Amino acid sequence: MRTQLIRVLMLLVLTVASLGTAAGYAQTPTQQAIDKWQHLSESERENLRQRFQRWESLSDAQKAAIRKKIEAFKALPPEERQRIRENFARFRKLSPEQRTALRRKFERWQSLPHWKKTQIRTLYQKFKDLTPAQRQQLLKSYRRWQQLSPQQREKARQILRRRRGG
């Protein structure tokens, strides 16, 4: 991730420098920037060119929003930034189908009402607080529940309601 950021910045510096005074950004790239650019493969250079073109196609508001997110990321504690990088790396290793499925799940999560998200977080915390043996037992029970027919599930619900007095 860091190397990609450096590469994008390098491309930005070189592209802005190549635009020259026409864009009002006359600037000579450093020798270090030139050396890094020269050590990139042609596919890496092309990737950076495409990224730069996408950046240039963004509106000023979109660019400002991205800059704001970058600053917010930089303000995070190092452990949190590392956790985000690791999650992103895991996401990148997923197949396109897995990424799409994960995006859909995230969109569904985003569309849930606040009370439902709170309920799910509470249940998840309770699950995390279980001992490993309790978690295994709960998962085993869940798998058995999944195998029941709708009629068997309803019968089990009725039995539970009677036991609880409701």
N, C-alpha and C. Protein backbone atom coordinates (compact mmCIF):
# COMPACT_ATOMS: atom_id res chain seq x y z
N MET A 1 0.84 -1.18 0.00
CA MET A 1 0.00 0.00 0.00
C MET A 1 0.88 1.25 0.00
N ARG A 2 1.91 1.25 0.88
CA ARG A 2 2.79 2.40 0.98
C ARG A 2 3.55 2.59 -0.33
N THR A 3 4.02 1.47 -0.92
CA THR A 3 4.75 1.59 -2.18
C THR A 3 3.84 2.12 -3.28
N GLN A 4 2.56 1.72 -3.26
CA GLN A 4 1.63 2.24 -4.26
C GLN A 4 1.44 3.74 -4.07
N LEU A 5 1.33 4.17 -2.82
CA LEU A 5 1.16 5.60 -2.55
C LEU A 5 2.38 6.37 -3.03
N ILE A 6 3.55 5.84 -2.77
CA ILE A 6 4.79 6.50 -3.23
C ILE A 6 4.79 6.58 -4.75
N ARG A 7 4.38 5.48 -5.38
CA ARG A 7 4.37 5.47 -6.85
C ARG A 7 3.37 6.48 -7.40
N VAL A 8 2.21 6.57 -6.78
CA VAL A 8 1.21 7.54 -7.25
C VAL A 8 1.75 8.96 -7.07
N LEU A 9 2.36 9.19 -5.92
CA LEU A 9 2.92 10.53 -5.69
C LEU A 9 4.02 10.84 -6.70
N MET A 10 4.82 9.82 -7.01
CA MET A 10 5.88 10.02 -8.00
C MET A 10 5.27 10.40 -9.35
N LEU A 11 4.26 9.68 -9.73
CA LEU A 11 3.60 9.96 -10.99
C LEU A 11 3.02 11.37 -10.99
N LEU A 12 2.41 11.73 -9.88
CA LEU A 12 1.85 13.08 -9.78
C LEU A 12 2.93 14.13 -9.95
N VAL A 13 4.05 13.95 -9.27
CA VAL A 13 5.15 14.91 -9.36
C VAL A 13 5.67 14.99 -10.79
N LEU A 14 5.88 13.84 -11.40
CA LEU A 14 6.42 13.84 -12.76
C LEU A 14 5.42 14.41 -13.77
N THR A 15 4.16 14.10 -13.59
CA THR A 15 3.15 14.60 -14.51
C THR A 15 2.99 16.10 -14.38
N VAL A 16 2.93 16.57 -13.14
CA VAL A 16 2.80 18.01 -12.93
C VAL A 16 4.02 18.72 -13.50
N ALA A 17 5.20 18.14 -13.29
CA ALA A 17 6.40 18.75 -13.84
C ALA A 17 6.37 18.78 -15.36
N SER A 18 5.83 17.72 -15.96
CA SER A 18 5.79 17.67 -17.42
C SER A 18 4.75 18.64 -17.98
N LEU A 19 3.77 19.00 -17.18
CA LEU A 19 2.79 19.97 -17.65
C LEU A 19 3.42 21.36 -17.78
N GLY A 20 4.44 21.57 -16.97
CA GLY A 20 5.20 22.82 -17.08
C GLY A 20 4.40 24.05 -16.71
N THR A 21 4.79 25.13 -17.29
CA THR A 21 4.18 26.41 -16.95
C THR A 21 2.77 26.54 -17.48
N ALA A 22 2.37 25.70 -18.41
CA ALA A 22 1.00 25.78 -18.95
C ALA A 22 -0.02 25.65 -17.85
N ALA A 23 0.26 24.84 -16.85
CA ALA A 23 -0.67 24.67 -15.75
C ALA A 23 -0.28 25.52 -14.55
N GLY A 24 0.80 26.25 -14.67
CA GLY A 24 1.24 27.09 -13.56
C GLY A 24 1.95 26.32 -12.46
N TYR A 25 2.45 25.15 -12.76
CA TYR A 25 3.10 24.32 -11.76
C TYR A 25 4.54 24.01 -12.16
N ALA A 26 5.23 24.90 -12.76
CA ALA A 26 6.60 24.63 -13.20
C ALA A 26 7.42 24.17 -12.00
N GLN A 27 7.89 22.95 -12.10
CA GLN A 27 8.63 22.37 -11.00
C GLN A 27 9.50 21.25 -11.57
N THR A 28 10.70 21.15 -11.11
CA THR A 28 11.59 20.10 -11.57
C THR A 28 11.55 18.96 -10.57
N PRO A 29 11.30 17.74 -11.08
CA PRO A 29 11.29 16.61 -10.14
C PRO A 29 12.69 16.38 -9.57
N THR A 30 12.73 15.87 -8.37
CA THR A 30 14.02 15.60 -7.74
C THR A 30 14.68 14.42 -8.44
N GLN A 31 15.96 14.32 -8.26
CA GLN A 31 16.68 13.19 -8.85
C GLN A 31 16.19 11.88 -8.26
N GLN A 32 15.83 11.91 -6.99
CA GLN A 32 15.30 10.70 -6.34
C GLN A 32 13.99 10.29 -7.01
N ALA A 33 13.14 11.25 -7.33
CA ALA A 33 11.87 10.94 -7.99
C ALA A 33 12.12 10.36 -9.38
N ILE A 34 13.06 10.93 -10.10
CA ILE A 34 13.39 10.44 -11.44
C ILE A 34 13.93 9.02 -11.36
N ASP A 35 14.81 8.78 -10.39
CA ASP A 35 15.38 7.44 -10.22
C ASP A 35 14.29 6.41 -9.92
N LYS A 36 13.35 6.76 -9.05
CA LYS A 36 12.27 5.83 -8.73
C LYS A 36 11.41 5.56 -9.95
N TRP A 37 11.13 6.59 -10.72
CA TRP A 37 10.31 6.43 -11.93
C TRP A 37 11.02 5.50 -12.91
N GLN A 38 12.32 5.68 -13.07
CA GLN A 38 13.08 4.87 -14.02
C GLN A 38 13.17 3.41 -13.61
N HIS A 39 13.05 3.14 -12.33
CA HIS A 39 13.13 1.76 -11.85
C HIS A 39 11.78 1.04 -11.90
N LEU A 40 10.74 1.73 -12.27
CA LEU A 40 9.43 1.09 -12.40
C LEU A 40 9.36 0.34 -13.72
N SER A 41 8.61 -0.75 -13.69
CA SER A 41 8.39 -1.48 -14.95
C SER A 41 7.40 -0.68 -15.79
N GLU A 42 7.31 -1.03 -17.05
CA GLU A 42 6.38 -0.31 -17.93
C GLU A 42 4.93 -0.50 -17.46
N SER A 43 4.60 -1.69 -16.98
CA SER A 43 3.23 -1.92 -16.50
C SER A 43 2.94 -1.08 -15.26
N GLU A 44 3.94 -0.92 -14.39
CA GLU A 44 3.76 -0.07 -13.20
C GLU A 44 3.59 1.39 -13.62
N ARG A 45 4.37 1.82 -14.61
CA ARG A 45 4.23 3.20 -15.10
C ARG A 45 2.85 3.42 -15.71
N GLU A 46 2.39 2.44 -16.49
CA GLU A 46 1.07 2.56 -17.11
C GLU A 46 -0.02 2.59 -16.05
N ASN A 47 0.13 1.76 -15.04
CA ASN A 47 -0.83 1.75 -13.93
C ASN A 47 -0.89 3.13 -13.28
N LEU A 48 0.26 3.74 -13.05
CA LEU A 48 0.29 5.07 -12.45
C LEU A 48 -0.31 6.12 -13.38
N ARG A 49 -0.04 6.01 -14.67
CA ARG A 49 -0.64 6.95 -15.62
C ARG A 49 -2.16 6.88 -15.57
N GLN A 50 -2.69 5.65 -15.52
CA GLN A 50 -4.14 5.47 -15.47
C GLN A 50 -4.72 6.03 -14.16
N ARG A 51 -4.01 5.78 -13.07
CA ARG A 51 -4.47 6.32 -11.79
C ARG A 51 -4.47 7.84 -11.81
N PHE A 52 -3.43 8.40 -12.39
CA PHE A 52 -3.36 9.86 -12.48
C PHE A 52 -4.49 10.41 -13.34
N GLN A 53 -4.79 9.73 -14.44
CA GLN A 53 -5.90 10.17 -15.30
C GLN A 53 -7.23 10.12 -14.54
N ARG A 54 -7.41 9.05 -13.75
CA ARG A 54 -8.63 8.97 -12.95
C ARG A 54 -8.68 10.12 -11.94
N TRP A 55 -7.55 10.40 -11.32
CA TRP A 55 -7.47 11.51 -10.36
C TRP A 55 -7.83 12.83 -11.04
N GLU A 56 -7.26 13.05 -12.19
CA GLU A 56 -7.52 14.29 -12.92
C GLU A 56 -8.97 14.41 -13.36
N SER A 57 -9.65 13.28 -13.54
CA SER A 57 -11.05 13.33 -13.97
C SER A 57 -12.00 13.64 -12.82
N LEU A 58 -11.51 13.61 -11.59
CA LEU A 58 -12.36 13.89 -10.43
C LEU A 58 -12.63 15.39 -10.32
N SER A 59 -13.76 15.71 -9.74
CA SER A 59 -14.08 17.12 -9.50
C SER A 59 -13.24 17.62 -8.33
N ASP A 60 -13.18 18.93 -8.18
CA ASP A 60 -12.43 19.49 -7.05
C ASP A 60 -13.03 19.03 -5.72
N ALA A 61 -14.36 18.90 -5.67
CA ALA A 61 -15.01 18.44 -4.44
C ALA A 61 -14.61 17.00 -4.12
N GLN A 62 -14.55 16.15 -5.15
CA GLN A 62 -14.15 14.76 -4.94
C GLN A 62 -12.70 14.68 -4.47
N LYS A 63 -11.84 15.48 -5.08
CA LYS A 63 -10.43 15.50 -4.67
C LYS A 63 -10.31 15.97 -3.22
N ALA A 64 -11.08 16.99 -2.86
CA ALA A 64 -11.04 17.50 -1.49
C ALA A 64 -11.51 16.44 -0.50
N ALA A 65 -12.55 15.69 -0.87
CA ALA A 65 -13.05 14.63 0.01
C ALA A 65 -11.99 13.55 0.21
N ILE A 66 -11.30 13.20 -0.86
CA ILE A 66 -10.24 12.18 -0.75
C ILE A 66 -9.11 12.70 0.13
N ARG A 67 -8.72 13.95 -0.08
CA ARG A 67 -7.64 14.53 0.76
C ARG A 67 -8.05 14.53 2.23
N LYS A 68 -9.33 14.83 2.48
CA LYS A 68 -9.82 14.84 3.85
C LYS A 68 -9.74 13.44 4.47
N LYS A 69 -10.09 12.42 3.69
CA LYS A 69 -10.01 11.04 4.18
C LYS A 69 -8.56 10.64 4.45
N ILE A 70 -7.66 11.08 3.58
CA ILE A 70 -6.24 10.78 3.79
C ILE A 70 -5.74 11.40 5.08
N GLU A 71 -6.12 12.66 5.32
CA GLU A 71 -5.71 13.33 6.55
C GLU A 71 -6.30 12.63 7.78
N ALA A 72 -7.56 12.20 7.67
CA ALA A 72 -8.18 11.48 8.79
C ALA A 72 -7.45 10.16 9.05
N PHE A 73 -7.04 9.49 7.97
CA PHE A 73 -6.28 8.25 8.11
C PHE A 73 -4.95 8.52 8.80
N LYS A 74 -4.28 9.57 8.39
CA LYS A 74 -2.98 9.90 8.99
C LYS A 74 -3.11 10.25 10.47
N ALA A 75 -4.29 10.76 10.87
CA ALA A 75 -4.50 11.15 12.26
C ALA A 75 -4.80 9.96 13.17
N LEU A 76 -5.07 8.80 12.58
CA LEU A 76 -5.37 7.61 13.38
C LEU A 76 -4.12 7.12 14.10
N PRO A 77 -4.31 6.42 15.22
CA PRO A 77 -3.15 5.82 15.89
C PRO A 77 -2.49 4.79 14.97
N PRO A 78 -1.19 4.60 15.10
CA PRO A 78 -0.48 3.65 14.22
C PRO A 78 -1.10 2.25 14.20
N GLU A 79 -1.58 1.76 15.36
CA GLU A 79 -2.16 0.41 15.38
C GLU A 79 -3.41 0.35 14.53
N GLU A 80 -4.22 1.41 14.58
CA GLU A 80 -5.46 1.44 13.80
C GLU A 80 -5.14 1.50 12.31
N ARG A 81 -4.14 2.31 11.94
CA ARG A 81 -3.75 2.38 10.52
C ARG A 81 -3.26 1.01 10.05
N GLN A 82 -2.50 0.33 10.88
CA GLN A 82 -2.00 -1.00 10.53
C GLN A 82 -3.14 -1.99 10.36
N ARG A 83 -4.12 -1.93 11.25
CA ARG A 83 -5.28 -2.81 11.16
C ARG A 83 -6.02 -2.57 9.85
N ILE A 84 -6.17 -1.31 9.46
CA ILE A 84 -6.85 -0.97 8.21
C ILE A 84 -6.05 -1.49 7.02
N ARG A 85 -4.73 -1.32 7.06
CA ARG A 85 -3.89 -1.82 5.96
C ARG A 85 -4.02 -3.34 5.81
N GLU A 86 -4.02 -4.04 6.95
CA GLU A 86 -4.14 -5.50 6.91
C GLU A 86 -5.51 -5.93 6.36
N ASN A 87 -6.55 -5.24 6.79
CA ASN A 87 -7.89 -5.56 6.27
C ASN A 87 -7.95 -5.30 4.77
N PHE A 88 -7.35 -4.21 4.33
CA PHE A 88 -7.34 -3.89 2.91
C PHE A 88 -6.56 -4.94 2.12
N ALA A 89 -5.45 -5.39 2.68
CA ALA A 89 -4.65 -6.43 2.01
C ALA A 89 -5.45 -7.72 1.89
N ARG A 90 -6.19 -8.08 2.95
CA ARG A 90 -7.04 -9.28 2.89
C ARG A 90 -8.12 -9.10 1.83
N PHE A 91 -8.71 -7.91 1.77
CA PHE A 91 -9.75 -7.63 0.78
C PHE A 91 -9.19 -7.78 -0.63
N ARG A 92 -7.99 -7.27 -0.85
CA ARG A 92 -7.38 -7.33 -2.19
C ARG A 92 -7.11 -8.77 -2.62
N LYS A 93 -6.90 -9.67 -1.67
CA LYS A 93 -6.62 -11.07 -2.00
C LYS A 93 -7.88 -11.86 -2.35
N LEU A 94 -9.05 -11.28 -2.07
CA LEU A 94 -10.31 -11.97 -2.38
C LEU A 94 -10.53 -12.02 -3.88
N SER A 95 -11.27 -13.02 -4.31
CA SER A 95 -11.64 -13.10 -5.72
C SER A 95 -12.64 -11.99 -6.03
N PRO A 96 -12.80 -11.62 -7.30
CA PRO A 96 -13.78 -10.58 -7.64
C PRO A 96 -15.19 -10.92 -7.14
N GLU A 97 -15.56 -12.20 -7.18
CA GLU A 97 -16.88 -12.61 -6.70
C GLU A 97 -17.00 -12.39 -5.19
N GLN A 98 -15.94 -12.73 -4.47
CA GLN A 98 -15.95 -12.54 -3.02
C GLN A 98 -16.01 -11.06 -2.66
N ARG A 99 -15.29 -10.24 -3.41
CA ARG A 99 -15.33 -8.79 -3.16
C ARG A 99 -16.74 -8.25 -3.39
N THR A 100 -17.36 -8.70 -4.48
CA THR A 100 -18.72 -8.24 -4.78
C THR A 100 -19.68 -8.65 -3.67
N ALA A 101 -19.56 -9.89 -3.22
CA ALA A 101 -20.43 -10.37 -2.14
C ALA A 101 -20.21 -9.55 -0.87
N LEU A 102 -18.96 -9.25 -0.57
CA LEU A 102 -18.64 -8.47 0.62
C LEU A 102 -19.18 -7.04 0.50
N ARG A 103 -19.08 -6.46 -0.68
CA ARG A 103 -19.63 -5.12 -0.89
C ARG A 103 -21.15 -5.12 -0.68
N ARG A 104 -21.81 -6.15 -1.19
CA ARG A 104 -23.27 -6.25 -1.01
C ARG A 104 -23.63 -6.37 0.46
N LYS A 105 -22.89 -7.19 1.18
CA LYS A 105 -23.15 -7.32 2.63
C LYS A 105 -22.94 -5.98 3.33
N PHE A 106 -21.90 -5.26 2.94
CA PHE A 106 -21.64 -3.96 3.54
C PHE A 106 -22.78 -2.99 3.23
N GLU A 107 -23.26 -3.01 1.99
CA GLU A 107 -24.38 -2.13 1.62
C GLU A 107 -25.63 -2.48 2.43
N ARG A 108 -25.87 -3.79 2.62
CA ARG A 108 -27.01 -4.20 3.44
C ARG A 108 -26.85 -3.69 4.87
N TRP A 109 -25.63 -3.82 5.41
CA TRP A 109 -25.35 -3.34 6.77
C TRP A 109 -25.62 -1.84 6.85
N GLN A 110 -25.14 -1.10 5.86
CA GLN A 110 -25.33 0.35 5.86
C GLN A 110 -26.80 0.73 5.82
N SER A 111 -27.63 -0.10 5.20
CA SER A 111 -29.05 0.24 5.07
C SER A 111 -29.87 -0.15 6.30
N LEU A 112 -29.26 -0.88 7.24
CA LEU A 112 -30.00 -1.28 8.44
C LEU A 112 -30.28 -0.06 9.32
N PRO A 113 -31.42 -0.08 10.02
CA PRO A 113 -31.68 1.00 10.97
C PRO A 113 -30.70 0.92 12.14
N HIS A 114 -30.50 2.05 12.78
CA HIS A 114 -29.53 2.14 13.88
C HIS A 114 -29.82 1.10 14.98
N TRP A 115 -31.10 0.93 15.34
CA TRP A 115 -31.45 0.00 16.42
C TRP A 115 -31.05 -1.43 16.07
N LYS A 116 -31.16 -1.79 14.78
CA LYS A 116 -30.80 -3.15 14.37
C LYS A 116 -29.29 -3.35 14.43
N LYS A 117 -28.53 -2.34 14.01
CA LYS A 117 -27.06 -2.43 14.09
C LYS A 117 -26.63 -2.59 15.54
N THR A 118 -27.27 -1.82 16.42
CA THR A 118 -26.95 -1.90 17.85
C THR A 118 -27.25 -3.30 18.38
N GLN A 119 -28.37 -3.84 17.99
CA GLN A 119 -28.76 -5.19 18.42
C GLN A 119 -27.73 -6.22 17.94
N ILE A 120 -27.30 -6.12 16.70
CA ILE A 120 -26.33 -7.06 16.14
C ILE A 120 -24.99 -6.92 16.86
N ARG A 121 -24.57 -5.68 17.10
CA ARG A 121 -23.29 -5.47 17.81
C ARG A 121 -23.34 -6.07 19.22
N THR A 122 -24.47 -5.90 19.88
CA THR A 122 -24.62 -6.44 21.24
C THR A 122 -24.54 -7.97 21.22
N LEU A 123 -25.25 -8.58 20.27
CA LEU A 123 -25.21 -10.04 20.17
C LEU A 123 -23.80 -10.53 19.83
N TYR A 124 -23.12 -9.80 18.95
CA TYR A 124 -21.77 -10.19 18.58
C TYR A 124 -20.84 -10.10 19.80
N GLN A 125 -21.01 -9.05 20.59
CA GLN A 125 -20.18 -8.90 21.78
C GLN A 125 -20.44 -10.05 22.75
N LYS A 126 -21.71 -10.42 22.91
CA LYS A 126 -22.03 -11.56 23.78
C LYS A 126 -21.37 -12.84 23.26
N PHE A 127 -21.39 -13.01 21.94
CA PHE A 127 -20.74 -14.18 21.34
C PHE A 127 -19.24 -14.16 21.62
N LYS A 128 -18.62 -13.00 21.48
CA LYS A 128 -17.18 -12.88 21.74
C LYS A 128 -16.84 -13.17 23.19
N ASP A 129 -17.76 -12.86 24.09
CA ASP A 129 -17.52 -13.06 25.51
C ASP A 129 -17.65 -14.52 25.95
N LEU A 130 -18.20 -15.36 25.08
CA LEU A 130 -18.32 -16.78 25.40
C LEU A 130 -16.94 -17.43 25.42
N THR A 131 -16.84 -18.50 26.16
CA THR A 131 -15.59 -19.28 26.13
C THR A 131 -15.55 -20.01 24.79
N PRO A 132 -14.38 -20.47 24.37
CA PRO A 132 -14.31 -21.23 23.12
C PRO A 132 -15.25 -22.44 23.12
N ALA A 133 -15.36 -23.14 24.24
CA ALA A 133 -16.24 -24.31 24.31
C ALA A 133 -17.70 -23.88 24.14
N GLN A 134 -18.09 -22.77 24.77
CA GLN A 134 -19.46 -22.28 24.63
C GLN A 134 -19.75 -21.86 23.19
N ARG A 135 -18.77 -21.23 22.55
CA ARG A 135 -18.95 -20.83 21.15
C ARG A 135 -19.16 -22.06 20.27
N GLN A 136 -18.34 -23.08 20.48
CA GLN A 136 -18.47 -24.31 19.69
C GLN A 136 -19.84 -24.93 19.88
N GLN A 137 -20.31 -24.96 21.13
CA GLN A 137 -21.63 -25.53 21.41
C GLN A 137 -22.72 -24.71 20.73
N LEU A 138 -22.61 -23.40 20.78
CA LEU A 138 -23.60 -22.54 20.13
C LEU A 138 -23.61 -22.76 18.62
N LEU A 139 -22.43 -22.83 18.01
CA LEU A 139 -22.34 -23.07 16.57
C LEU A 139 -22.90 -24.44 16.20
N LYS A 140 -22.64 -25.42 17.05
CA LYS A 140 -23.17 -26.76 16.80
C LYS A 140 -24.70 -26.74 16.84
N SER A 141 -25.25 -26.04 17.83
CA SER A 141 -26.71 -25.92 17.93
C SER A 141 -27.27 -25.16 16.73
N TYR A 142 -26.57 -24.14 16.31
CA TYR A 142 -27.03 -23.37 15.15
C TYR A 142 -27.07 -24.24 13.89
N ARG A 143 -26.04 -25.05 13.69
CA ARG A 143 -26.02 -25.93 12.53
C ARG A 143 -27.18 -26.93 12.58
N ARG A 144 -27.48 -27.44 13.78
CA ARG A 144 -28.63 -28.35 13.92
C ARG A 144 -29.92 -27.60 13.61
N TRP A 145 -30.05 -26.37 14.08
CA TRP A 145 -31.23 -25.54 13.82
C TRP A 145 -31.42 -25.34 12.32
N GLN A 146 -30.32 -25.09 11.62
CA GLN A 146 -30.38 -24.86 10.17
C GLN A 146 -30.91 -26.09 9.43
N GLN A 147 -30.69 -27.26 9.97
CA GLN A 147 -31.11 -28.49 9.31
C GLN A 147 -32.58 -28.84 9.55
N LEU A 148 -33.20 -28.13 10.49
CA LEU A 148 -34.61 -28.40 10.79
C LEU A 148 -35.51 -27.85 9.68
N SER A 149 -36.63 -28.51 9.49
CA SER A 149 -37.63 -28.01 8.54
C SER A 149 -38.35 -26.83 9.19
N PRO A 150 -39.05 -26.01 8.43
CA PRO A 150 -39.81 -24.90 9.02
C PRO A 150 -40.80 -25.38 10.10
N GLN A 151 -41.43 -26.52 9.88
CA GLN A 151 -42.38 -27.04 10.86
C GLN A 151 -41.65 -27.44 12.16
N GLN A 152 -40.49 -28.08 12.02
CA GLN A 152 -39.72 -28.48 13.20
C GLN A 152 -39.24 -27.24 13.97
N ARG A 153 -38.86 -26.20 13.25
CA ARG A 153 -38.42 -24.96 13.92
C ARG A 153 -39.57 -24.34 14.71
N GLU A 154 -40.74 -24.31 14.11
CA GLU A 154 -41.90 -23.73 14.79
C GLU A 154 -42.23 -24.53 16.04
N LYS A 155 -42.16 -25.83 15.96
CA LYS A 155 -42.42 -26.68 17.13
C LYS A 155 -41.40 -26.39 18.24
N ALA A 156 -40.13 -26.24 17.85
CA ALA A 156 -39.08 -25.92 18.82
C ALA A 156 -39.33 -24.56 19.46
N ARG A 157 -39.77 -23.58 18.67
CA ARG A 157 -40.09 -22.25 19.21
C ARG A 157 -41.21 -22.34 20.25
N GLN A 158 -42.23 -23.13 19.94
CA GLN A 158 -43.35 -23.29 20.88
C GLN A 158 -42.88 -23.90 22.19
N ILE A 159 -42.05 -24.89 22.10
CA ILE A 159 -41.51 -25.54 23.32
C ILE A 159 -40.72 -24.53 24.14
N LEU A 160 -39.88 -23.72 23.47
CA LEU A 160 -39.09 -22.70 24.18
C LEU A 160 -39.99 -21.66 24.83
N ARG A 161 -41.03 -21.25 24.13
CA ARG A 161 -41.96 -20.25 24.71
C ARG A 161 -42.62 -20.81 25.98
N ARG A 162 -43.02 -22.06 25.92
CA ARG A 162 -43.66 -22.68 27.12
C ARG A 162 -42.68 -22.74 28.28
N ARG A 163 -41.42 -23.08 27.98
CA ARG A 163 -40.39 -23.16 29.05
C ARG A 163 -40.15 -21.80 29.68
N ARG A 164 -40.20 -20.76 28.85
CA ARG A 164 -39.96 -19.40 29.36
C ARG A 164 -41.20 -18.81 30.00
N GLY A 165 -42.29 -19.47 29.84
CA GLY A 165 -43.52 -18.97 30.43
C GLY A 165 -44.21 -17.95 29.54
N GLY A 166 -43.88 -17.91 28.28
CA GLY A 166 -44.48 -16.92 27.39
C GLY A 166 -45.15 -17.56 26.32
